[in-house]
Amino acid sequence: MKYLKHLVTIITAITISSVISANEIKMAKANWDTGYFQAEVYKQGLEKLGYKVTEPQAMKPSVFYVAAAQGDLDLWVNGWFGTHDTYLKEAKGKVKPVGYVMKKGGLQGYLIDKKTADKFKIKSVMDIKKHAKEFDSNGDGKADMVACPPGWGCEKQITKHFNELGLGDFINPVKADYSASMADAISKYKNNQSILFYTWTPNWTVGALELGKDVVWIDVPFSETKTVAVPNATKSKINLGFGADDIRPAANADFLKANPKVAKFLKKASIPLSDVAAQNMKMNKGEKSERAIRKHASEWIKNNQSTFNSWLN
């Protein structure tokens, strides 16, 4: 009898353990801080659904998609498609995008300070060639441009630009920590120096440097992307060198099949671009600790409670 009771206890413990394991979500987040807020909002939503969510670890896209394909991670909400399409192809169907955080929310391209653009009539990245010394910080004769760190999807696209357009002949892409590099660029701008940088939206950079007033988008005549109408650019229509990306959750395909409740949640949830941009500006002003970001997410949920509740029902 004692043996039977002991066996029942073991089976019960195993069952409980299995339920806990099944209800745990191994979540990641992007290693660019402008994506932290979205990750936290979704994390709190998944917890409200009854899941135990691991603290999301910040990582490069190149690392996330490999880990998710192997089943070491379940999901993140920082997918950029089509910039990350290559990673999906490499995952061979084992990772899938689901739902939309922001449709066409990811605008990407190159910007320069408006003062320099107006002074030298710079309309395109190709015009930088004649004026490279204006953007040269280290005396190598090339313009310094804040670019993307290795392992980011945008790094691959910028490399394509450099290869096709020969930009490396007159531009030096700075691939160090992005936030630190942009802080340095903003400091240069405040000291009346010319600046050239890559950025995306939503991002605090276009809050700290006002579009149309401080900085403008410039043309990147890349063959794989089209000319579009873009506000606050050097021309009414320019080629950004990037398509407008959808910011979407991406998850392990087997995980989605096993957790239809999570898949349904990811399909329902979304956050307005303007709200993310507003939160990014709070971080730029110093509210960037993990505790502050959790508070921002909780406040956003409280202010949008009915919308948030609709994701859960």
C-alpha atoms as a PDB file:
ATOM      1  CA  MET A   1       0.000   0.000   0.000  1.00  0.00           C
ATOM      2  CA  LYS A   2       2.828   2.375   0.917  1.00  0.00           C
ATOM      3  CA  TYR A   3       4.518   1.494  -2.389  1.00  0.00           C
ATOM      4  CA  LEU A   4       1.306   2.309  -4.291  1.00  0.00           C
ATOM      5  CA  LYS A   5       0.946   5.687  -2.556  1.00  0.00           C
ATOM      6  CA  HIS A   6       4.597   6.439  -3.291  1.00  0.00           C
ATOM      7  CA  LEU A   7       4.068   5.537  -6.964  1.00  0.00           C
ATOM      8  CA  VAL A   8       0.980   7.780  -7.198  1.00  0.00           C
ATOM      9  CA  THR A   9       2.987  10.643  -5.661  1.00  0.00           C
ATOM     10  CA  ILE A  10       5.766  10.195  -8.230  1.00  0.00           C
ATOM     11  CA  ILE A  11       3.296  10.037 -11.154  1.00  0.00           C
ATOM     12  CA  THR A  12       1.496  13.156  -9.862  1.00  0.00           C
ATOM     13  CA  ALA A  13       4.800  15.010  -9.546  1.00  0.00           C
ATOM     14  CA  ILE A  14       5.790  14.009 -13.077  1.00  0.00           C
ATOM     15  CA  THR A  15       2.385  15.108 -14.412  1.00  0.00           C
ATOM     16  CA  ILE A  16       2.615  18.490 -12.663  1.00  0.00           C
ATOM     17  CA  SER A  17       6.177  18.904 -13.922  1.00  0.00           C
ATOM     18  CA  SER A  18       5.053  18.152 -17.486  1.00  0.00           C
ATOM     19  CA  VAL A  19       2.241  20.715 -17.279  1.00  0.00           C
ATOM     20  CA  ILE A  20       4.637  23.358 -15.975  1.00  0.00           C
ATOM     21  CA  SER A  21       7.108  22.532 -18.739  1.00  0.00           C
ATOM     22  CA  ALA A  22       4.376  22.696 -21.398  1.00  0.00           C
ATOM     23  CA  ASN A  23       3.275  26.083 -20.056  1.00  0.00           C
ATOM     24  CA  GLU A  24       6.750  27.598 -20.174  1.00  0.00           C
ATOM     25  CA  ILE A  25       7.716  29.847 -23.062  1.00  0.00           C
ATOM     26  CA  LYS A  26      11.366  30.363 -23.916  1.00  0.00           C
ATOM     27  CA  MET A  27      11.305  33.922 -25.229  1.00  0.00           C
ATOM     28  CA  ALA A  28      14.037  36.101 -26.738  1.00  0.00           C
ATOM     29  CA  LYS A  29      14.220  39.773 -27.693  1.00  0.00           C
ATOM     30  CA  ALA A  30      16.243  41.807 -30.176  1.00  0.00           C
ATOM     31  CA  ASN A  31      19.582  43.285 -29.148  1.00  0.00           C
ATOM     32  CA  TRP A  32      18.440  46.761 -30.234  1.00  0.00           C
ATOM     33  CA  ASP A  33      16.762  48.552 -27.340  1.00  0.00           C
ATOM     34  CA  THR A  34      13.978  50.066 -29.470  1.00  0.00           C
ATOM     35  CA  GLY A  35      12.459  46.567 -29.544  1.00  0.00           C
ATOM     36  CA  TYR A  36      12.478  45.960 -25.780  1.00  0.00           C
ATOM     37  CA  PHE A  37       9.112  47.640 -25.103  1.00  0.00           C
ATOM     38  CA  GLN A  38       7.192  45.453 -27.561  1.00  0.00           C
ATOM     39  CA  ALA A  39       8.819  42.339 -26.112  1.00  0.00           C
ATOM     40  CA  GLU A  40       7.751  43.312 -22.587  1.00  0.00           C
ATOM     41  CA  VAL A  41       4.135  44.075 -23.566  1.00  0.00           C
ATOM     42  CA  TYR A  42       3.819  40.692 -25.272  1.00  0.00           C
ATOM     43  CA  LYS A  43       5.570  38.938 -22.380  1.00  0.00           C
ATOM     44  CA  GLN A  44       3.051  40.347 -19.899  1.00  0.00           C
ATOM     45  CA  GLY A  45       0.226  39.285 -22.210  1.00  0.00           C
ATOM     46  CA  LEU A  46       1.509  35.718 -22.429  1.00  0.00           C
ATOM     47  CA  GLU A  47       1.828  35.626 -18.647  1.00  0.00           C
ATOM     48  CA  LYS A  48      -1.804  36.730 -18.356  1.00  0.00           C
ATOM     49  CA  LEU A  49      -2.682  33.747 -20.550  1.00  0.00           C
ATOM     50  CA  GLY A  50      -1.194  31.542 -17.824  1.00  0.00           C
ATOM     51  CA  TYR A  51       2.243  30.856 -19.253  1.00  0.00           C
ATOM     52  CA  LYS A  52       5.515  31.090 -17.416  1.00  0.00           C
ATOM     53  CA  VAL A  53       7.731  33.176 -19.686  1.00  0.00           C
ATOM     54  CA  THR A  54      11.498  33.140 -19.315  1.00  0.00           C
ATOM     55  CA  GLU A  55      13.171  36.534 -19.051  1.00  0.00           C
ATOM     56  CA  PRO A  56      13.866  37.380 -22.724  1.00  0.00           C
ATOM     57  CA  GLN A  57      17.567  37.417 -23.548  1.00  0.00           C
ATOM     58  CA  ALA A  58      18.748  40.072 -25.999  1.00  0.00           C
ATOM     59  CA  MET A  59      20.369  38.615 -29.109  1.00  0.00           C
ATOM     60  CA  LYS A  60      21.169  39.171 -32.775  1.00  0.00           C
ATOM     61  CA  PRO A  61      18.706  37.937 -35.406  1.00  0.00           C
ATOM     62  CA  SER A  62      21.375  35.569 -36.748  1.00  0.00           C
ATOM     63  CA  VAL A  63      21.455  33.863 -33.341  1.00  0.00           C
ATOM     64  CA  PHE A  64      17.702  33.859 -32.667  1.00  0.00           C
ATOM     65  CA  TYR A  65      16.563  32.160 -35.863  1.00  0.00           C
ATOM     66  CA  VAL A  66      19.118  29.362 -35.518  1.00  0.00           C
ATOM     67  CA  ALA A  67      18.163  28.781 -31.870  1.00  0.00           C
ATOM     68  CA  ALA A  68      14.424  28.886 -32.658  1.00  0.00           C
ATOM     69  CA  ALA A  69      14.858  26.431 -35.545  1.00  0.00           C
ATOM     70  CA  GLN A  70      16.623  24.026 -33.173  1.00  0.00           C
ATOM     71  CA  GLY A  71      13.887  24.389 -30.545  1.00  0.00           C
ATOM     72  CA  ASP A  72      16.193  26.043 -28.010  1.00  0.00           C
ATOM     73  CA  LEU A  73      13.943  29.133 -28.120  1.00  0.00           C
ATOM     74  CA  ASP A  74      10.206  29.390 -28.782  1.00  0.00           C
ATOM     75  CA  LEU A  75       9.594  32.929 -30.026  1.00  0.00           C
ATOM     76  CA  TRP A  76      10.330  36.628 -30.181  1.00  0.00           C
ATOM     77  CA  VAL A  77       8.296  39.608 -31.427  1.00  0.00           C
ATOM     78  CA  ASN A  78      11.172  41.442 -33.115  1.00  0.00           C
ATOM     79  CA  GLY A  79      11.050  39.920 -36.589  1.00  0.00           C
ATOM     80  CA  TRP A  80      11.542  42.332 -39.506  1.00  0.00           C
ATOM     81  CA  PHE A  81      10.182  40.993 -42.783  1.00  0.00           C
ATOM     82  CA  GLY A  82      11.456  41.171 -45.478  1.00  0.00           C
ATOM     83  CA  THR A  83      14.889  42.104 -43.939  1.00  0.00           C
ATOM     84  CA  HIS A  84      14.799  38.808 -42.008  1.00  0.00           C
ATOM     85  CA  ASP A  85      13.451  36.723 -44.918  1.00  0.00           C
ATOM     86  CA  THR A  86      16.904  35.208 -45.464  1.00  0.00           C
ATOM     87  CA  TYR A  87      16.902  33.843 -41.917  1.00  0.00           C
ATOM     88  CA  LEU A  88      13.503  32.192 -42.508  1.00  0.00           C
ATOM     89  CA  LYS A  89      14.819  30.509 -45.641  1.00  0.00           C
ATOM     90  CA  GLU A  90      17.822  29.222 -43.712  1.00  0.00           C
ATOM     91  CA  ALA A  91      15.464  27.867 -41.011  1.00  0.00           C
ATOM     92  CA  LYS A  92      13.750  25.724 -43.704  1.00  0.00           C
ATOM     93  CA  GLY A  93      10.211  26.039 -42.377  1.00  0.00           C
ATOM     94  CA  LYS A  94      11.117  25.445 -38.740  1.00  0.00           C
ATOM     95  CA  VAL A  95      10.476  29.117 -37.838  1.00  0.00           C
ATOM     96  CA  LYS A  96       7.380  30.999 -38.962  1.00  0.00           C
ATOM     97  CA  PRO A  97       6.158  34.599 -38.678  1.00  0.00           C
ATOM     98  CA  VAL A  98       2.722  34.934 -37.056  1.00  0.00           C
ATOM     99  CA  GLY A  99       0.619  38.067 -36.584  1.00  0.00           C
ATOM    100  CA  TYR A 100       1.840  41.664 -36.836  1.00  0.00           C
ATOM    101  CA  VAL A 101       3.271  43.927 -34.144  1.00  0.00           C
ATOM    102  CA  MET A 102       3.254  46.778 -36.692  1.00  0.00           C
ATOM    103  CA  LYS A 103       2.353  46.457 -40.379  1.00  0.00           C
ATOM    104  CA  LYS A 104       4.794  48.443 -42.530  1.00  0.00           C
ATOM    105  CA  GLY A 105       6.133  49.887 -39.280  1.00  0.00           C
ATOM    106  CA  GLY A 106       9.766  49.357 -40.160  1.00  0.00           C
ATOM    107  CA  LEU A 107      11.081  52.156 -42.355  1.00  0.00           C
ATOM    108  CA  GLN A 108      14.845  52.005 -42.954  1.00  0.00           C
ATOM    109  CA  GLY A 109      17.385  54.102 -44.778  1.00  0.00           C
ATOM    110  CA  TYR A 110      20.290  56.570 -44.710  1.00  0.00           C
ATOM    111  CA  LEU A 111      20.078  60.108 -43.356  1.00  0.00           C
ATOM    112  CA  ILE A 112      22.330  63.150 -43.249  1.00  0.00           C
ATOM    113  CA  ASP A 113      22.005  66.436 -41.430  1.00  0.00           C
ATOM    114  CA  LYS A 114      19.825  68.869 -43.388  1.00  0.00           C
ATOM    115  CA  LYS A 115      22.328  71.713 -43.111  1.00  0.00           C
ATOM    116  CA  THR A 116      24.998  69.764 -45.018  1.00  0.00           C
ATOM    117  CA  ALA A 117      22.456  68.423 -47.519  1.00  0.00           C
ATOM    118  CA  ASP A 118      21.298  71.970 -48.342  1.00  0.00           C
ATOM    119  CA  LYS A 119      24.796  73.455 -48.426  1.00  0.00           C
ATOM    120  CA  PHE A 120      26.242  70.923 -50.880  1.00  0.00           C
ATOM    121  CA  LYS A 121      22.964  69.995 -52.633  1.00  0.00           C
ATOM    122  CA  ILE A 122      23.312  66.368 -51.562  1.00  0.00           C
ATOM    123  CA  LYS A 123      20.334  64.351 -52.794  1.00  0.00           C
ATOM    124  CA  SER A 124      21.768  60.836 -52.996  1.00  0.00           C
ATOM    125  CA  VAL A 125      24.305  58.715 -51.146  1.00  0.00           C
ATOM    126  CA  MET A 126      26.329  58.874 -54.377  1.00  0.00           C
ATOM    127  CA  ASP A 127      26.712  62.654 -53.899  1.00  0.00           C
ATOM    128  CA  ILE A 128      28.654  61.958 -50.707  1.00  0.00           C
ATOM    129  CA  LYS A 129      31.667  61.014 -52.861  1.00  0.00           C
ATOM    130  CA  LYS A 130      32.459  64.653 -53.686  1.00  0.00           C
ATOM    131  CA  HIS A 131      32.074  65.730 -50.073  1.00  0.00           C
ATOM    132  CA  ALA A 132      33.391  62.728 -48.125  1.00  0.00           C
ATOM    133  CA  LYS A 133      35.802  64.880 -46.095  1.00  0.00           C
ATOM    134  CA  GLU A 134      32.813  66.690 -44.528  1.00  0.00           C
ATOM    135  CA  PHE A 135      31.841  63.430 -42.822  1.00  0.00           C
ATOM    136  CA  ASP A 136      35.384  62.160 -42.110  1.00  0.00           C
ATOM    137  CA  SER A 137      36.200  61.836 -38.404  1.00  0.00           C
ATOM    138  CA  ASN A 138      39.408  59.794 -38.502  1.00  0.00           C
ATOM    139  CA  GLY A 139      41.271  61.411 -41.402  1.00  0.00           C
ATOM    140  CA  ASP A 140      41.202  58.412 -43.766  1.00  0.00           C
ATOM    141  CA  GLY A 141      39.541  60.470 -46.498  1.00  0.00           C
ATOM    142  CA  LYS A 142      36.266  58.519 -46.310  1.00  0.00           C
ATOM    143  CA  ALA A 143      32.910  59.616 -44.911  1.00  0.00           C
ATOM    144  CA  ASP A 144      32.077  57.853 -41.643  1.00  0.00           C
ATOM    145  CA  MET A 145      28.560  56.398 -41.564  1.00  0.00           C
ATOM    146  CA  VAL A 146      26.896  54.828 -38.529  1.00  0.00           C
ATOM    147  CA  ALA A 147      25.888  51.414 -39.907  1.00  0.00           C
ATOM    148  CA  CYS A 148      24.689  48.096 -38.433  1.00  0.00           C
ATOM    149  CA  PRO A 149      26.592  45.795 -36.072  1.00  0.00           C
ATOM    150  CA  PRO A 150      27.500  42.323 -37.414  1.00  0.00           C
ATOM    151  CA  GLY A 151      24.647  39.825 -37.172  1.00  0.00           C
ATOM    152  CA  TRP A 152      21.845  42.312 -37.781  1.00  0.00           C
ATOM    153  CA  GLY A 153      19.650  41.827 -40.862  1.00  0.00           C
ATOM    154  CA  CYS A 154      20.311  45.395 -42.011  1.00  0.00           C
ATOM    155  CA  GLU A 155      24.046  44.688 -42.107  1.00  0.00           C
ATOM    156  CA  LYS A 156      23.453  42.236 -44.978  1.00  0.00           C
ATOM    157  CA  GLN A 157      21.414  44.805 -46.904  1.00  0.00           C
ATOM    158  CA  ILE A 158      23.961  47.585 -46.369  1.00  0.00           C
ATOM    159  CA  THR A 159      26.694  45.210 -47.588  1.00  0.00           C
ATOM    160  CA  LYS A 160      24.660  44.701 -50.773  1.00  0.00           C
ATOM    161  CA  HIS A 161      24.463  48.497 -51.227  1.00  0.00           C
ATOM    162  CA  PHE A 162      28.215  48.845 -50.777  1.00  0.00           C
ATOM    163  CA  ASN A 163      28.969  46.027 -53.226  1.00  0.00           C
ATOM    164  CA  GLU A 164      26.608  47.196 -55.983  1.00  0.00           C
ATOM    165  CA  LEU A 165      27.159  50.958 -55.679  1.00  0.00           C
ATOM    166  CA  GLY A 166      30.843  50.941 -54.735  1.00  0.00           C
ATOM    167  CA  LEU A 167      30.134  52.894 -51.556  1.00  0.00           C
ATOM    168  CA  GLY A 168      33.195  51.443 -49.838  1.00  0.00           C
ATOM    169  CA  ASP A 169      35.383  53.614 -52.072  1.00  0.00           C
ATOM    170  CA  PHE A 170      34.277  56.731 -50.204  1.00  0.00           C
ATOM    171  CA  ILE A 171      32.284  55.632 -47.128  1.00  0.00           C
ATOM    172  CA  ASN A 172      33.527  53.850 -44.014  1.00  0.00           C
ATOM    173  CA  PRO A 173      30.647  51.916 -42.326  1.00  0.00           C
ATOM    174  CA  VAL A 174      30.948  52.119 -38.529  1.00  0.00           C
ATOM    175  CA  LYS A 175      29.752  48.752 -37.166  1.00  0.00           C
ATOM    176  CA  ALA A 176      30.341  49.290 -33.454  1.00  0.00           C
ATOM    177  CA  ASP A 177      27.549  49.329 -30.843  1.00  0.00           C
ATOM    178  CA  TYR A 178      24.702  51.168 -32.552  1.00  0.00           C
ATOM    179  CA  SER A 179      23.387  53.217 -29.617  1.00  0.00           C
ATOM    180  CA  ALA A 180      26.882  54.393 -28.677  1.00  0.00           C
ATOM    181  CA  SER A 181      27.703  55.254 -32.299  1.00  0.00           C
ATOM    182  CA  MET A 182      24.477  57.243 -32.661  1.00  0.00           C
ATOM    183  CA  ALA A 183      25.113  59.078 -29.388  1.00  0.00           C
ATOM    184  CA  ASP A 184      28.487  60.064 -30.832  1.00  0.00           C
ATOM    185  CA  ALA A 185      26.842  61.214 -34.090  1.00  0.00           C
ATOM    186  CA  ILE A 186      24.325  63.347 -32.207  1.00  0.00           C
ATOM    187  CA  SER A 187      27.171  64.911 -30.220  1.00  0.00           C
ATOM    188  CA  LYS A 188      28.945  65.750 -33.484  1.00  0.00           C
ATOM    189  CA  TYR A 189      25.771  67.303 -34.873  1.00  0.00           C
ATOM    190  CA  LYS A 190      25.402  69.489 -31.800  1.00  0.00           C
ATOM    191  CA  ASN A 191      28.977  70.657 -32.420  1.00  0.00           C
ATOM    192  CA  ASN A 192      28.063  71.692 -35.988  1.00  0.00           C
ATOM    193  CA  GLN A 193      29.712  68.699 -37.654  1.00  0.00           C
ATOM    194  CA  SER A 194      28.191  66.841 -40.611  1.00  0.00           C
ATOM    195  CA  ILE A 195      26.703  63.407 -39.898  1.00  0.00           C
ATOM    196  CA  LEU A 196      25.683  60.398 -41.996  1.00  0.00           C
ATOM    197  CA  PHE A 197      23.885  57.398 -40.511  1.00  0.00           C
ATOM    198  CA  TYR A 198      21.580  54.447 -41.069  1.00  0.00           C
ATOM    199  CA  THR A 199      18.425  54.251 -38.961  1.00  0.00           C
ATOM    200  CA  TRP A 200      14.985  52.703 -38.809  1.00  0.00           C
ATOM    201  CA  THR A 201      11.564  53.545 -37.414  1.00  0.00           C
ATOM    202  CA  PRO A 202      10.422  53.363 -34.715  1.00  0.00           C
ATOM    203  CA  ASN A 203      13.661  54.603 -33.197  1.00  0.00           C
ATOM    204  CA  TRP A 204      14.681  57.277 -30.701  1.00  0.00           C
ATOM    205  CA  THR A 205      17.183  58.642 -33.243  1.00  0.00           C
ATOM    206  CA  VAL A 206      14.447  60.388 -35.234  1.00  0.00           C
ATOM    207  CA  GLY A 207      13.136  61.878 -32.014  1.00  0.00           C
ATOM    208  CA  ALA A 208      16.483  63.187 -30.842  1.00  0.00           C
ATOM    209  CA  LEU A 209      17.156  64.414 -34.409  1.00  0.00           C
ATOM    210  CA  GLU A 210      13.955  65.807 -35.873  1.00  0.00           C
ATOM    211  CA  LEU A 211      13.092  64.625 -39.374  1.00  0.00           C
ATOM    212  CA  GLY A 212      12.867  67.486 -41.845  1.00  0.00           C
ATOM    213  CA  LYS A 213      14.461  69.950 -39.462  1.00  0.00           C
ATOM    214  CA  ASP A 214      17.706  68.340 -38.261  1.00  0.00           C
ATOM    215  CA  VAL A 215      18.052  65.417 -40.657  1.00  0.00           C
ATOM    216  CA  VAL A 216      16.683  64.155 -44.002  1.00  0.00           C
ATOM    217  CA  TRP A 217      16.467  60.802 -45.775  1.00  0.00           C
ATOM    218  CA  ILE A 218      18.719  60.497 -48.844  1.00  0.00           C
ATOM    219  CA  ASP A 219      18.399  58.436 -52.006  1.00  0.00           C
ATOM    220  CA  VAL A 220      20.113  55.030 -52.241  1.00  0.00           C
ATOM    221  CA  PRO A 221      19.845  53.958 -55.914  1.00  0.00           C
ATOM    222  CA  PHE A 222      19.828  50.221 -55.199  1.00  0.00           C
ATOM    223  CA  SER A 223      18.503  47.994 -57.998  1.00  0.00           C
ATOM    224  CA  GLU A 224      16.449  45.663 -55.775  1.00  0.00           C
ATOM    225  CA  THR A 225      14.263  48.373 -54.190  1.00  0.00           C
ATOM    226  CA  LYS A 226      11.855  50.908 -55.647  1.00  0.00           C
ATOM    227  CA  THR A 227      11.491  54.679 -55.553  1.00  0.00           C
ATOM    228  CA  VAL A 228       8.705  55.733 -53.164  1.00  0.00           C
ATOM    229  CA  ALA A 229       7.232  58.944 -51.779  1.00  0.00           C
ATOM    230  CA  VAL A 230       8.909  59.633 -48.432  1.00  0.00           C
ATOM    231  CA  PRO A 231       8.283  62.683 -46.230  1.00  0.00           C
ATOM    232  CA  ASN A 232      11.336  64.594 -44.943  1.00  0.00           C
ATOM    233  CA  ALA A 233      13.634  63.440 -47.730  1.00  0.00           C
ATOM    234  CA  THR A 234      15.997  65.239 -50.115  1.00  0.00           C
ATOM    235  CA  LYS A 235      13.493  64.629 -52.945  1.00  0.00           C
ATOM    236  CA  SER A 236       9.730  64.010 -53.057  1.00  0.00           C
ATOM    237  CA  LYS A 237      10.426  60.424 -54.157  1.00  0.00           C
ATOM    238  CA  ILE A 238      13.544  58.493 -53.206  1.00  0.00           C
ATOM    239  CA  ASN A 239      14.841  54.938 -53.123  1.00  0.00           C
ATOM    240  CA  LEU A 240      15.485  54.102 -49.461  1.00  0.00           C
ATOM    241  CA  GLY A 241      17.487  50.990 -50.372  1.00  0.00           C
ATOM    242  CA  PHE A 242      15.142  49.013 -48.136  1.00  0.00           C
ATOM    243  CA  GLY A 243      11.530  47.919 -48.415  1.00  0.00           C
ATOM    244  CA  ALA A 244       9.050  48.975 -45.732  1.00  0.00           C
ATOM    245  CA  ASP A 245       9.214  46.052 -43.308  1.00  0.00           C
ATOM    246  CA  ASP A 246       6.469  44.414 -41.294  1.00  0.00           C
ATOM    247  CA  ILE A 247       7.490  43.986 -37.648  1.00  0.00           C
ATOM    248  CA  ARG A 248       6.152  40.567 -36.666  1.00  0.00           C
ATOM    249  CA  PRO A 249       6.466  37.841 -34.048  1.00  0.00           C
ATOM    250  CA  ALA A 250       8.371  34.760 -35.231  1.00  0.00           C
ATOM    251  CA  ALA A 251       8.177  31.394 -33.514  1.00  0.00           C
ATOM    252  CA  ASN A 252       9.258  27.767 -33.718  1.00  0.00           C
ATOM    253  CA  ALA A 253       6.714  26.057 -36.000  1.00  0.00           C
ATOM    254  CA  ASP A 254       6.288  22.991 -33.739  1.00  0.00           C
ATOM    255  CA  PHE A 255       5.774  25.258 -30.734  1.00  0.00           C
ATOM    256  CA  LEU A 256       2.950  27.091 -32.538  1.00  0.00           C
ATOM    257  CA  LYS A 257       1.241  23.792 -33.408  1.00  0.00           C
ATOM    258  CA  ALA A 258       1.492  22.610 -29.804  1.00  0.00           C
ATOM    259  CA  ASN A 259       0.269  25.942 -28.406  1.00  0.00           C
ATOM    260  CA  PRO A 260      -2.672  27.197 -30.506  1.00  0.00           C
ATOM    261  CA  LYS A 261      -3.632  29.594 -27.695  1.00  0.00           C
ATOM    262  CA  VAL A 262      -0.288  31.375 -28.098  1.00  0.00           C
ATOM    263  CA  ALA A 263      -0.629  31.430 -31.891  1.00  0.00           C
ATOM    264  CA  LYS A 264      -4.078  33.007 -31.572  1.00  0.00           C
ATOM    265  CA  PHE A 265      -2.748  35.625 -29.144  1.00  0.00           C
ATOM    266  CA  LEU A 266       0.118  36.542 -31.495  1.00  0.00           C
ATOM    267  CA  LYS A 267      -2.344  36.939 -34.390  1.00  0.00           C
ATOM    268  CA  LYS A 268      -4.547  39.311 -32.376  1.00  0.00           C
ATOM    269  CA  ALA A 269      -1.938  41.524 -30.681  1.00  0.00           C
ATOM    270  CA  SER A 270      -0.449  44.698 -32.198  1.00  0.00           C
ATOM    271  CA  ILE A 271       0.950  48.032 -30.982  1.00  0.00           C
ATOM    272  CA  PRO A 272       0.636  51.406 -32.779  1.00  0.00           C
ATOM    273  CA  LEU A 273       3.885  52.777 -34.204  1.00  0.00           C
ATOM    274  CA  SER A 274       3.296  56.122 -32.480  1.00  0.00           C
ATOM    275  CA  ASP A 275       3.107  54.437 -29.059  1.00  0.00           C
ATOM    276  CA  VAL A 276       6.396  52.611 -29.601  1.00  0.00           C
ATOM    277  CA  ALA A 277       8.057  55.829 -30.792  1.00  0.00           C
ATOM    278  CA  ALA A 278       6.807  57.662 -27.688  1.00  0.00           C
ATOM    279  CA  GLN A 279       8.236  54.957 -25.418  1.00  0.00           C
ATOM    280  CA  ASN A 280      11.544  55.007 -27.305  1.00  0.00           C
ATOM    281  CA  MET A 281      11.837  58.731 -26.565  1.00  0.00           C
ATOM    282  CA  LYS A 282      11.368  58.002 -22.842  1.00  0.00           C
ATOM    283  CA  MET A 283      14.330  55.626 -23.049  1.00  0.00           C
ATOM    284  CA  ASN A 284      16.375  58.247 -24.868  1.00  0.00           C
ATOM    285  CA  LYS A 285      15.700  60.641 -21.995  1.00  0.00           C
ATOM    286  CA  GLY A 286      17.093  58.165 -19.473  1.00  0.00           C
ATOM    287  CA  GLU A 287      14.233  55.783 -18.634  1.00  0.00           C
ATOM    288  CA  LYS A 288      15.974  52.722 -20.059  1.00  0.00           C
ATOM    289  CA  SER A 289      16.468  50.288 -17.176  1.00  0.00           C
ATOM    290  CA  GLU A 290      14.661  46.940 -17.292  1.00  0.00           C
ATOM    291  CA  ARG A 291      12.502  48.140 -14.423  1.00  0.00           C
ATOM    292  CA  ALA A 292      11.556  51.315 -16.329  1.00  0.00           C
ATOM    293  CA  ILE A 293      10.686  49.347 -19.476  1.00  0.00           C
ATOM    294  CA  ARG A 294       8.490  46.956 -17.474  1.00  0.00           C
ATOM    295  CA  LYS A 295       6.742  50.014 -16.023  1.00  0.00           C
ATOM    296  CA  HIS A 296       6.244  51.508 -19.507  1.00  0.00           C
ATOM    297  CA  ALA A 297       4.680  48.233 -20.683  1.00  0.00           C
ATOM    298  CA  SER A 298       2.404  47.970 -17.641  1.00  0.00           C
ATOM    299  CA  GLU A 299       1.277  51.582 -18.086  1.00  0.00           C
ATOM    300  CA  TRP A 300       0.576  51.013 -21.778  1.00  0.00           C
ATOM    301  CA  ILE A 301      -1.509  47.932 -20.947  1.00  0.00           C
ATOM    302  CA  LYS A 302      -3.467  49.857 -18.313  1.00  0.00           C
ATOM    303  CA  ASN A 303      -4.131  52.716 -20.751  1.00  0.00           C
ATOM    304  CA  ASN A 304      -5.227  50.228 -23.436  1.00  0.00           C
ATOM    305  CA  GLN A 305      -6.923  47.685 -21.180  1.00  0.00           C
ATOM    306  CA  SER A 306      -9.896  46.836 -23.394  1.00  0.00           C
ATOM    307  CA  THR A 307      -7.629  46.282 -26.399  1.00  0.00           C
ATOM    308  CA  PHE A 308      -5.255  44.183 -24.299  1.00  0.00           C
ATOM    309  CA  ASN A 309      -8.151  42.111 -22.911  1.00  0.00           C
ATOM    310  CA  SER A 310      -9.380  41.417 -26.457  1.00  0.00           C
ATOM    311  CA  TRP A 311      -6.041  39.736 -27.197  1.00  0.00           C
ATOM    312  CA  LEU A 312      -6.626  37.314 -24.337  1.00  0.00           C
ATOM    313  CA  ASN A 313     -10.249  36.364 -25.012  1.00  0.00           C
END
